[in-house]
Amino acid sequence: MYAGGIIMAYGWALAVHGWLTLGYATVLFWFADLKATREERWLAVAYPDYPDYRRRVRKLIPFIY
């Protein structure tokens, strides 16, 4: 869900050739990264096997980040 929103925001910024839109997409990326980091802490507390899963799977964008 996060990856789709981030990719869509950057795609829109490239489509409209807007620097401000690119800035908004970067803020969205930063916010999603912050939120995902917080969620990962909660998941690590709730599920003891989550750190093993986290090592195998990327946080926001599959195969990249």
C-alpha atoms as a PDB file:
ATOM      1  CA  MET A   1       0.000   0.000   0.000  1.00  0.00           C
ATOM      2  CA  TYR A   2       2.790   2.405   0.899  1.00  0.00           C
ATOM      3  CA  ALA A   3       4.801   1.520  -2.204  1.00  0.00           C
ATOM      4  CA  GLY A   4       1.790   2.088  -4.459  1.00  0.00           C
ATOM      5  CA  GLY A   5       1.080   5.510  -2.984  1.00  0.00           C
ATOM      6  CA  ILE A   6       4.707   6.590  -3.162  1.00  0.00           C
ATOM      7  CA  ILE A   7       5.161   5.421  -6.753  1.00  0.00           C
ATOM      8  CA  MET A   8       1.892   7.041  -7.774  1.00  0.00           C
ATOM      9  CA  ALA A   9       2.893  10.351  -6.142  1.00  0.00           C
ATOM     10  CA  TYR A  10       6.271  10.420  -7.900  1.00  0.00           C
ATOM     11  CA  GLY A  11       4.634   9.412 -11.170  1.00  0.00           C
ATOM     12  CA  TRP A  12       2.164  12.253 -10.860  1.00  0.00           C
ATOM     13  CA  ALA A  13       5.001  14.677 -10.098  1.00  0.00           C
ATOM     14  CA  LEU A  14       6.810  13.569 -13.244  1.00  0.00           C
ATOM     15  CA  ALA A  15       3.628  13.754 -15.322  1.00  0.00           C
ATOM     16  CA  VAL A  16       2.796  17.344 -14.357  1.00  0.00           C
ATOM     17  CA  HIS A  17       6.444  18.497 -14.314  1.00  0.00           C
ATOM     18  CA  GLY A  18       5.901  20.234 -10.991  1.00  0.00           C
ATOM     19  CA  TRP A  19       8.647  20.855  -8.458  1.00  0.00           C
ATOM     20  CA  LEU A  20       6.102  21.445  -5.719  1.00  0.00           C
ATOM     21  CA  THR A  21       4.403  18.146  -6.506  1.00  0.00           C
ATOM     22  CA  LEU A  22       7.797  16.445  -6.331  1.00  0.00           C
ATOM     23  CA  GLY A  23       8.275  18.003  -2.905  1.00  0.00           C
ATOM     24  CA  TYR A  24       4.899  16.671  -1.783  1.00  0.00           C
ATOM     25  CA  ALA A  25       5.846  13.199  -3.016  1.00  0.00           C
ATOM     26  CA  THR A  26       9.078  13.383  -1.018  1.00  0.00           C
ATOM     27  CA  VAL A  27       7.155  14.406   2.103  1.00  0.00           C
ATOM     28  CA  LEU A  28       4.821  11.458   1.512  1.00  0.00           C
ATOM     29  CA  PHE A  29       7.824   9.130   1.259  1.00  0.00           C
ATOM     30  CA  TRP A  30       9.273  10.524   4.495  1.00  0.00           C
ATOM     31  CA  PHE A  31       5.927  10.194   6.306  1.00  0.00           C
ATOM     32  CA  ALA A  32       5.418   6.608   5.108  1.00  0.00           C
ATOM     33  CA  ASP A  33       8.957   5.692   6.191  1.00  0.00           C
ATOM     34  CA  LEU A  34       8.367   7.194   9.629  1.00  0.00           C
ATOM     35  CA  LYS A  35       5.018   5.415   9.984  1.00  0.00           C
ATOM     36  CA  ALA A  36       6.402   2.071   8.785  1.00  0.00           C
ATOM     37  CA  THR A  37       9.303   2.314  11.247  1.00  0.00           C
ATOM     38  CA  ARG A  38       6.859   2.864  14.112  1.00  0.00           C
ATOM     39  CA  GLU A  39       4.676  -0.027  12.940  1.00  0.00           C
ATOM     40  CA  GLU A  40       7.710  -2.316  12.725  1.00  0.00           C
ATOM     41  CA  ARG A  41       8.522  -1.619  16.377  1.00  0.00           C
ATOM     42  CA  TRP A  42       4.969  -2.550  17.377  1.00  0.00           C
ATOM     43  CA  LEU A  43       5.068  -5.706  15.274  1.00  0.00           C
ATOM     44  CA  ALA A  44       8.392  -6.772  16.798  1.00  0.00           C
ATOM     45  CA  VAL A  45       6.829  -6.541  20.259  1.00  0.00           C
ATOM     46  CA  ALA A  46       3.630  -8.347  19.259  1.00  0.00           C
ATOM     47  CA  TYR A  47       5.223 -11.112  17.176  1.00  0.00           C
ATOM     48  CA  PRO A  48       8.516 -12.658  18.313  1.00  0.00           C
ATOM     49  CA  ASP A  49       9.306 -13.984  14.803  1.00  0.00           C
ATOM     50  CA  TYR A  50       8.871 -10.601  13.138  1.00  0.00           C
ATOM     51  CA  PRO A  51      12.603  -9.637  13.167  1.00  0.00           C
ATOM     52  CA  ASP A  52      13.354 -12.718  11.007  1.00  0.00           C
ATOM     53  CA  TYR A  53      10.635 -11.667   8.564  1.00  0.00           C
ATOM     54  CA  ARG A  54      11.921  -8.075   8.531  1.00  0.00           C
ATOM     55  CA  ARG A  55      15.386  -9.240   7.480  1.00  0.00           C
ATOM     56  CA  ARG A  56      13.891 -10.983   4.412  1.00  0.00           C
ATOM     57  CA  VAL A  57      11.364  -8.342   3.314  1.00  0.00           C
ATOM     58  CA  ARG A  58      11.932  -4.668   2.457  1.00  0.00           C
ATOM     59  CA  LYS A  59      10.090  -1.952   4.363  1.00  0.00           C
ATOM     60  CA  LEU A  60       8.452   0.288   1.758  1.00  0.00           C
ATOM     61  CA  ILE A  61       9.366  -0.445  -1.834  1.00  0.00           C
ATOM     62  CA  PRO A  62       9.778  -4.145  -2.727  1.00  0.00           C
ATOM     63  CA  PHE A  63      13.347  -5.189  -3.609  1.00  0.00           C
ATOM     64  CA  ILE A  64      14.602  -1.599  -3.162  1.00  0.00           C
ATOM     65  CA  TYR A  65      13.905  -0.078   0.277  1.00  0.00           C
END
